[in-house]
Amino acid sequence: MAVYENTRLLVDGARGSDFGISHGAYRIATFVSGIADSFTQWNAARKTRKELSQLPDRVLEDIGLNRADIDTFSTRYTHR
């Protein structure tokens, strides 16, 4: 029976750094990192929507928003 060995070091060409992990582990790590980033962005947008929704219409008008703009503003401006 043949054995497949996946122990080559993965080199990041953009930074030239050596991760020292297999390609599969690197893909899993980047996948999990992407999920964590997505959750962080979603949570920041949720908090922004909640805070803006609690403001009176007059204050929203003073900062140049109305109730219809809250969702767009929260998702557009809370991302990195």
PDB file of N, CA and C in Angstrom:
ATOM      1  N   MET A   1       0.844  -1.156   0.000  1.00  0.00           N
ATOM      2  CA  MET A   1       0.000   0.000   0.000  1.00  0.00           C
ATOM      3  C   MET A   1       0.899   1.231   0.000  1.00  0.00           C
ATOM      4  N   ALA A   2       0.552   2.202  -0.837  1.00  0.00           N
ATOM      5  CA  ALA A   2       1.330   3.433  -0.950  1.00  0.00           C
ATOM      6  C   ALA A   2       0.943   4.398   0.162  1.00  0.00           C
ATOM      7  N   VAL A   3       1.924   5.137   0.624  1.00  0.00           N
ATOM      8  CA  VAL A   3       1.693   6.135   1.662  1.00  0.00           C
ATOM      9  C   VAL A   3       1.946   7.509   1.072  1.00  0.00           C
ATOM     10  N   TYR A   4       1.006   8.395   1.244  1.00  0.00           N
ATOM     11  CA  TYR A   4       1.156   9.767   0.758  1.00  0.00           C
ATOM     12  C   TYR A   4       1.642  10.626   1.914  1.00  0.00           C
ATOM     13  N   GLU A   5       2.754  11.261   1.715  1.00  0.00           N
ATOM     14  CA  GLU A   5       3.298  12.102   2.771  1.00  0.00           C
ATOM     15  C   GLU A   5       3.092  13.557   2.388  1.00  0.00           C
ATOM     16  N   ASN A   6       2.451  14.302   3.262  1.00  0.00           N
ATOM     17  CA  ASN A   6       2.143  15.703   3.004  1.00  0.00           C
ATOM     18  C   ASN A   6       2.836  16.555   4.069  1.00  0.00           C
ATOM     19  N   THR A   7       4.155  16.550   4.031  1.00  0.00           N
ATOM     20  CA  THR A   7       4.889  17.288   5.057  1.00  0.00           C
ATOM     21  C   THR A   7       5.712  18.421   4.476  1.00  0.00           C
ATOM     22  N   ARG A   8       5.505  18.748   3.188  1.00  0.00           N
ATOM     23  CA  ARG A   8       6.245  19.861   2.599  1.00  0.00           C
ATOM     24  C   ARG A   8       5.880  21.145   3.319  1.00  0.00           C
ATOM     25  N   LEU A   9       6.836  22.018   3.456  1.00  0.00           N
ATOM     26  CA  LEU A   9       6.585  23.303   4.092  1.00  0.00           C
ATOM     27  C   LEU A   9       5.880  24.214   3.096  1.00  0.00           C
ATOM     28  N   LEU A  10       4.920  24.938   3.583  1.00  0.00           N
ATOM     29  CA  LEU A  10       4.181  25.871   2.746  1.00  0.00           C
ATOM     30  C   LEU A  10       4.837  27.232   2.856  1.00  0.00           C
ATOM     31  N   VAL A  11       5.212  27.783   1.723  1.00  0.00           N
ATOM     32  CA  VAL A  11       5.887  29.086   1.717  1.00  0.00           C
ATOM     33  C   VAL A  11       4.931  30.117   1.162  1.00  0.00           C
ATOM     34  N   ASP A  12       4.778  31.217   1.873  1.00  0.00           N
ATOM     35  CA  ASP A  12       3.927  32.317   1.443  1.00  0.00           C
ATOM     36  C   ASP A  12       4.755  33.215   0.529  1.00  0.00           C
ATOM     37  N   GLY A  13       4.419  33.227  -0.748  1.00  0.00           N
ATOM     38  CA  GLY A  13       5.192  33.985  -1.724  1.00  0.00           C
ATOM     39  C   GLY A  13       5.141  35.479  -1.509  1.00  0.00           C
ATOM     40  N   ALA A  14       4.019  36.005  -1.018  1.00  0.00           N
ATOM     41  CA  ALA A  14       3.896  37.448  -0.861  1.00  0.00           C
ATOM     42  C   ALA A  14       4.825  37.980   0.227  1.00  0.00           C
ATOM     43  N   ARG A  15       4.964  37.248   1.301  1.00  0.00           N
ATOM     44  CA  ARG A  15       5.800  37.711   2.408  1.00  0.00           C
ATOM     45  C   ARG A  15       7.102  36.935   2.507  1.00  0.00           C
ATOM     46  N   GLY A  16       7.190  35.840   1.807  1.00  0.00           N
ATOM     47  CA  GLY A  16       8.393  35.031   1.843  1.00  0.00           C
ATOM     48  C   GLY A  16       8.614  34.343   3.173  1.00  0.00           C
ATOM     49  N   SER A  17       7.569  34.180   3.969  1.00  0.00           N
ATOM     50  CA  SER A  17       7.728  33.533   5.265  1.00  0.00           C
ATOM     51  C   SER A  17       7.403  32.049   5.158  1.00  0.00           C
ATOM     52  N   ASP A  18       7.932  31.292   6.069  1.00  0.00           N
ATOM     53  CA  ASP A  18       7.766  29.849   6.077  1.00  0.00           C
ATOM     54  C   ASP A  18       6.803  29.485   7.205  1.00  0.00           C
ATOM     55  N   PHE A  19       5.616  28.996   6.852  1.00  0.00           N
ATOM     56  CA  PHE A  19       4.628  28.654   7.871  1.00  0.00           C
ATOM     57  C   PHE A  19       4.985  27.365   8.598  1.00  0.00           C
ATOM     58  N   GLY A  20       5.651  26.446   7.928  1.00  0.00           N
ATOM     59  CA  GLY A  20       6.026  25.191   8.555  1.00  0.00           C
ATOM     60  C   GLY A  20       4.859  24.258   8.808  1.00  0.00           C
ATOM     61  N   ILE A  21       3.775  24.380   8.038  1.00  0.00           N
ATOM     62  CA  ILE A  21       2.615  23.505   8.188  1.00  0.00           C
ATOM     63  C   ILE A  21       2.253  22.937   6.829  1.00  0.00           C
ATOM     64  N   SER A  22       1.510  21.881   6.841  1.00  0.00           N
ATOM     65  CA  SER A  22       1.086  21.269   5.588  1.00  0.00           C
ATOM     66  C   SER A  22       0.040  22.137   4.901  1.00  0.00           C
ATOM     67  N   HIS A  23      -0.136  21.919   3.628  1.00  0.00           N
ATOM     68  CA  HIS A  23      -1.092  22.696   2.853  1.00  0.00           C
ATOM     69  C   HIS A  23      -2.520  22.515   3.378  1.00  0.00           C
ATOM     70  N   GLY A  24      -2.873  21.293   3.730  1.00  0.00           N
ATOM     71  CA  GLY A  24      -4.219  21.039   4.252  1.00  0.00           C
ATOM     72  C   GLY A  24      -4.486  21.781   5.545  1.00  0.00           C
ATOM     73  N   ALA A  25      -3.507  21.776   6.445  1.00  0.00           N
ATOM     74  CA  ALA A  25      -3.671  22.499   7.711  1.00  0.00           C
ATOM     75  C   ALA A  25      -3.759  23.991   7.457  1.00  0.00           C
ATOM     76  N   TYR A  26      -2.999  24.488   6.489  1.00  0.00           N
ATOM     77  CA  TYR A  26      -3.044  25.909   6.150  1.00  0.00           C
ATOM     78  C   TYR A  26      -4.423  26.286   5.622  1.00  0.00           C
ATOM     79  N   ARG A  27      -4.993  25.438   4.750  1.00  0.00           N
ATOM     80  CA  ARG A  27      -6.326  25.723   4.208  1.00  0.00           C
ATOM     81  C   ARG A  27      -7.378  25.722   5.303  1.00  0.00           C
ATOM     82  N   ILE A  28      -7.282  24.790   6.227  1.00  0.00           N
ATOM     83  CA  ILE A  28      -8.232  24.743   7.342  1.00  0.00           C
ATOM     84  C   ILE A  28      -8.086  25.995   8.205  1.00  0.00           C
ATOM     85  N   ALA A  29      -6.851  26.390   8.482  1.00  0.00           N
ATOM     86  CA  ALA A  29      -6.611  27.578   9.308  1.00  0.00           C
ATOM     87  C   ALA A  29      -7.149  28.835   8.644  1.00  0.00           C
ATOM     88  N   THR A  30      -6.957  28.981   7.336  1.00  0.00           N
ATOM     89  CA  THR A  30      -7.469  30.171   6.655  1.00  0.00           C
ATOM     90  C   THR A  30      -8.993  30.149   6.581  1.00  0.00           C
ATOM     91  N   PHE A  31      -9.581  28.961   6.452  1.00  0.00           N
ATOM     92  CA  PHE A  31     -11.038  28.839   6.451  1.00  0.00           C
ATOM     93  C   PHE A  31     -11.615  29.284   7.790  1.00  0.00           C
ATOM     94  N   VAL A  32     -11.040  28.787   8.870  1.00  0.00           N
ATOM     95  CA  VAL A  32     -11.503  29.152  10.211  1.00  0.00           C
ATOM     96  C   VAL A  32     -11.281  30.645  10.459  1.00  0.00           C
ATOM     97  N   SER A  33     -10.163  31.160  10.015  1.00  0.00           N
ATOM     98  CA  SER A  33      -9.878  32.587  10.167  1.00  0.00           C
ATOM     99  C   SER A  33     -10.899  33.430   9.407  1.00  0.00           C
ATOM    100  N   GLY A  34     -11.283  32.975   8.219  1.00  0.00           N
ATOM    101  CA  GLY A  34     -12.301  33.685   7.439  1.00  0.00           C
ATOM    102  C   GLY A  34     -13.646  33.699   8.136  1.00  0.00           C
ATOM    103  N   ILE A  35     -14.004  32.586   8.749  1.00  0.00           N
ATOM    104  CA  ILE A  35     -15.260  32.520   9.497  1.00  0.00           C
ATOM    105  C   ILE A  35     -15.204  33.477  10.686  1.00  0.00           C
ATOM    106  N   ALA A  36     -14.082  33.501  11.386  1.00  0.00           N
ATOM    107  CA  ALA A  36     -13.935  34.397  12.534  1.00  0.00           C
ATOM    108  C   ALA A  36     -14.022  35.855  12.091  1.00  0.00           C
ATOM    109  N   ASP A  37     -13.395  36.200  10.972  1.00  0.00           N
ATOM    110  CA  ASP A  37     -13.472  37.576  10.462  1.00  0.00           C
ATOM    111  C   ASP A  37     -14.899  37.941  10.075  1.00  0.00           C
ATOM    112  N   SER A  38     -15.595  37.024   9.431  1.00  0.00           N
ATOM    113  CA  SER A  38     -16.988  37.274   9.050  1.00  0.00           C
ATOM    114  C   SER A  38     -17.860  37.499  10.272  1.00  0.00           C
ATOM    115  N   PHE A  39     -17.661  36.690  11.295  1.00  0.00           N
ATOM    116  CA  PHE A  39     -18.428  36.858  12.522  1.00  0.00           C
ATOM    117  C   PHE A  39     -18.126  38.205  13.173  1.00  0.00           C
ATOM    118  N   THR A  40     -16.862  38.599  13.194  1.00  0.00           N
ATOM    119  CA  THR A  40     -16.473  39.875  13.793  1.00  0.00           C
ATOM    120  C   THR A  40     -17.135  41.038  13.050  1.00  0.00           C
ATOM    121  N   GLN A  41     -17.139  40.986  11.719  1.00  0.00           N
ATOM    122  CA  GLN A  41     -17.770  42.037  10.925  1.00  0.00           C
ATOM    123  C   GLN A  41     -19.277  42.061  11.148  1.00  0.00           C
ATOM    124  N   TRP A  42     -19.899  40.896  11.184  1.00  0.00           N
ATOM    125  CA  TRP A  42     -21.342  40.828  11.404  1.00  0.00           C
ATOM    126  C   TRP A  42     -21.701  41.404  12.773  1.00  0.00           C
ATOM    127  N   ASN A  43     -20.912  41.054  13.791  1.00  0.00           N
ATOM    128  CA  ASN A  43     -21.199  41.525  15.140  1.00  0.00           C
ATOM    129  C   ASN A  43     -21.015  43.042  15.247  1.00  0.00           C
ATOM    130  N   ALA A  44     -20.001  43.593  14.592  1.00  0.00           N
ATOM    131  CA  ALA A  44     -19.795  45.044  14.604  1.00  0.00           C
ATOM    132  C   ALA A  44     -20.972  45.751  13.927  1.00  0.00           C
ATOM    133  N   ALA A  45     -21.455  45.204  12.814  1.00  0.00           N
ATOM    134  CA  ALA A  45     -22.607  45.792  12.128  1.00  0.00           C
ATOM    135  C   ALA A  45     -23.854  45.692  12.996  1.00  0.00           C
ATOM    136  N   ARG A  46     -24.028  44.576  13.684  1.00  0.00           N
ATOM    137  CA  ARG A  46     -25.180  44.401  14.573  1.00  0.00           C
ATOM    138  C   ARG A  46     -25.174  45.426  15.686  1.00  0.00           C
ATOM    139  N   LYS A  47     -24.005  45.639  16.297  1.00  0.00           N
ATOM    140  CA  LYS A  47     -23.898  46.620  17.380  1.00  0.00           C
ATOM    141  C   LYS A  47     -24.171  48.036  16.874  1.00  0.00           C
ATOM    142  N   THR A  48     -23.656  48.343  15.691  1.00  0.00           N
ATOM    143  CA  THR A  48     -23.883  49.669  15.111  1.00  0.00           C
ATOM    144  C   THR A  48     -25.358  49.887  14.830  1.00  0.00           C
ATOM    145  N   ARG A  49     -26.022  48.871  14.234  1.00  0.00           N
ATOM    146  CA  ARG A  49     -27.464  48.979  13.983  1.00  0.00           C
ATOM    147  C   ARG A  49     -28.239  49.196  15.271  1.00  0.00           C
ATOM    148  N   LYS A  50     -27.874  48.470  16.309  1.00  0.00           N
ATOM    149  CA  LYS A  50     -28.580  48.586  17.588  1.00  0.00           C
ATOM    150  C   LYS A  50     -28.429  49.990  18.162  1.00  0.00           C
ATOM    151  N   GLU A  51     -27.197  50.509  18.163  1.00  0.00           N
ATOM    152  CA  GLU A  51     -26.961  51.845  18.717  1.00  0.00           C
ATOM    153  C   GLU A  51     -27.677  52.924  17.907  1.00  0.00           C
ATOM    154  N   LEU A  52     -27.582  52.845  16.580  1.00  0.00           N
ATOM    155  CA  LEU A  52     -28.240  53.855  15.748  1.00  0.00           C
ATOM    156  C   LEU A  52     -29.757  53.771  15.857  1.00  0.00           C
ATOM    157  N   SER A  53     -30.287  52.572  16.003  1.00  0.00           N
ATOM    158  CA  SER A  53     -31.738  52.411  16.119  1.00  0.00           C
ATOM    159  C   SER A  53     -32.294  53.025  17.394  1.00  0.00           C
ATOM    160  N   GLN A  54     -31.454  53.146  18.415  1.00  0.00           N
ATOM    161  CA  GLN A  54     -31.904  53.711  19.681  1.00  0.00           C
ATOM    162  C   GLN A  54     -31.872  55.242  19.695  1.00  0.00           C
ATOM    163  N   LEU A  55     -31.263  55.850  18.681  1.00  0.00           N
ATOM    164  CA  LEU A  55     -31.194  57.313  18.627  1.00  0.00           C
ATOM    165  C   LEU A  55     -32.518  57.892  18.145  1.00  0.00           C
ATOM    166  N   PRO A  56     -32.887  59.062  18.647  1.00  0.00           N
ATOM    167  CA  PRO A  56     -34.102  59.720  18.149  1.00  0.00           C
ATOM    168  C   PRO A  56     -33.899  60.220  16.709  1.00  0.00           C
ATOM    169  N   ASP A  57     -35.007  60.418  16.004  1.00  0.00           N
ATOM    170  CA  ASP A  57     -34.939  60.859  14.612  1.00  0.00           C
ATOM    171  C   ASP A  57     -34.176  62.173  14.460  1.00  0.00           C
ATOM    172  N   ARG A  58     -34.322  63.058  15.395  1.00  0.00           N
ATOM    173  CA  ARG A  58     -33.645  64.364  15.326  1.00  0.00           C
ATOM    174  C   ARG A  58     -32.118  64.199  15.346  1.00  0.00           C
ATOM    175  N   VAL A  59     -31.617  63.316  16.174  1.00  0.00           N
ATOM    176  CA  VAL A  59     -30.173  63.090  16.260  1.00  0.00           C
ATOM    177  C   VAL A  59     -29.680  62.422  14.980  1.00  0.00           C
ATOM    178  N   LEU A  60     -30.433  61.446  14.471  1.00  0.00           N
ATOM    179  CA  LEU A  60     -30.065  60.814  13.203  1.00  0.00           C
ATOM    180  C   LEU A  60     -29.998  61.854  12.086  1.00  0.00           C
ATOM    181  N   GLU A  61     -30.970  62.765  12.073  1.00  0.00           N
ATOM    182  CA  GLU A  61     -30.985  63.821  11.065  1.00  0.00           C
ATOM    183  C   GLU A  61     -29.755  64.724  11.205  1.00  0.00           C
ATOM    184  N   ASP A  62     -29.349  64.996  12.438  1.00  0.00           N
ATOM    185  CA  ASP A  62     -28.175  65.836  12.674  1.00  0.00           C
ATOM    186  C   ASP A  62     -26.892  65.203  12.129  1.00  0.00           C
ATOM    187  N   ILE A  63     -26.811  63.894  12.133  1.00  0.00           N
ATOM    188  CA  ILE A  63     -25.604  63.242  11.616  1.00  0.00           C
ATOM    189  C   ILE A  63     -25.765  62.809  10.156  1.00  0.00           C
ATOM    190  N   GLY A  64     -26.884  63.209   9.546  1.00  0.00           N
ATOM    191  CA  GLY A  64     -27.071  62.968   8.117  1.00  0.00           C
ATOM    192  C   GLY A  64     -27.645  61.616   7.764  1.00  0.00           C
ATOM    193  N   LEU A  65     -28.357  60.998   8.689  1.00  0.00           N
ATOM    194  CA  LEU A  65     -28.967  59.691   8.431  1.00  0.00           C
ATOM    195  C   LEU A  65     -30.464  59.751   8.690  1.00  0.00           C
ATOM    196  N   ASN A  66     -31.177  58.782   8.150  1.00  0.00           N
ATOM    197  CA  ASN A  66     -32.560  58.559   8.547  1.00  0.00           C
ATOM    198  C   ASN A  66     -32.703  57.072   8.852  1.00  0.00           C
ATOM    199  N   ARG A  67     -33.841  56.663   9.319  1.00  0.00           N
ATOM    200  CA  ARG A  67     -34.014  55.266   9.741  1.00  0.00           C
ATOM    201  C   ARG A  67     -33.741  54.278   8.605  1.00  0.00           C
ATOM    202  N   ALA A  68     -34.069  54.659   7.382  1.00  0.00           N
ATOM    203  CA  ALA A  68     -33.869  53.765   6.241  1.00  0.00           C
ATOM    204  C   ALA A  68     -32.384  53.560   5.929  1.00  0.00           C
ATOM    205  N   ASP A  69     -31.535  54.479   6.354  1.00  0.00           N
ATOM    206  CA  ASP A  69     -30.098  54.388   6.072  1.00  0.00           C
ATOM    207  C   ASP A  69     -29.331  53.543   7.086  1.00  0.00           C
ATOM    208  N   ILE A  70     -29.936  53.205   8.189  1.00  0.00           N
ATOM    209  CA  ILE A  70     -29.211  52.537   9.274  1.00  0.00           C
ATOM    210  C   ILE A  70     -28.595  51.215   8.827  1.00  0.00           C
ATOM    211  N   ASP A  71     -29.364  50.375   8.154  1.00  0.00           N
ATOM    212  CA  ASP A  71     -28.832  49.064   7.760  1.00  0.00           C
ATOM    213  C   ASP A  71     -27.667  49.213   6.783  1.00  0.00           C
ATOM    214  N   THR A  72     -27.828  50.060   5.777  1.00  0.00           N
ATOM    215  CA  THR A  72     -26.762  50.268   4.796  1.00  0.00           C
ATOM    216  C   THR A  72     -25.526  50.841   5.469  1.00  0.00           C
ATOM    217  N   PHE A  73     -25.706  51.825   6.314  1.00  0.00           N
ATOM    218  CA  PHE A  73     -24.575  52.454   6.999  1.00  0.00           C
ATOM    219  C   PHE A  73     -23.836  51.456   7.884  1.00  0.00           C
ATOM    220  N   SER A  74     -24.590  50.651   8.612  1.00  0.00           N
ATOM    221  CA  SER A  74     -23.954  49.729   9.560  1.00  0.00           C
ATOM    222  C   SER A  74     -23.145  48.648   8.854  1.00  0.00           C
ATOM    223  N   THR A  75     -23.619  48.155   7.720  1.00  0.00           N
ATOM    224  CA  THR A  75     -22.871  47.121   7.022  1.00  0.00           C
ATOM    225  C   THR A  75     -21.731  47.696   6.196  1.00  0.00           C
ATOM    226  N   ARG A  76     -21.889  48.896   5.683  1.00  0.00           N
ATOM    227  CA  ARG A  76     -20.862  49.472   4.822  1.00  0.00           C
ATOM    228  C   ARG A  76     -19.679  50.016   5.614  1.00  0.00           C
ATOM    229  N   TYR A  77     -19.922  50.649   6.733  1.00  0.00           N
ATOM    230  CA  TYR A  77     -18.860  51.368   7.428  1.00  0.00           C
ATOM    231  C   TYR A  77     -18.308  50.678   8.659  1.00  0.00           C
ATOM    232  N   THR A  78     -18.738  49.472   8.939  1.00  0.00           N
ATOM    233  CA  THR A  78     -18.169  48.749  10.084  1.00  0.00           C
ATOM    234  C   THR A  78     -17.185  47.696   9.633  1.00  0.00           C
ATOM    235  N   HIS A  79     -17.008  47.489   8.342  1.00  0.00           N
ATOM    236  CA  HIS A  79     -16.027  46.510   7.850  1.00  0.00           C
ATOM    237  C   HIS A  79     -14.655  47.131   7.851  1.00  0.00           C
ATOM    238  N   ARG A  80     -13.667  46.278   7.994  1.00  0.00           N
ATOM    239  CA  ARG A  80     -12.291  46.776   8.036  1.00  0.00           C
ATOM    240  C   ARG A  80     -11.879  47.397   6.747  1.00  0.00           C
TER     241      ARG A  80
END
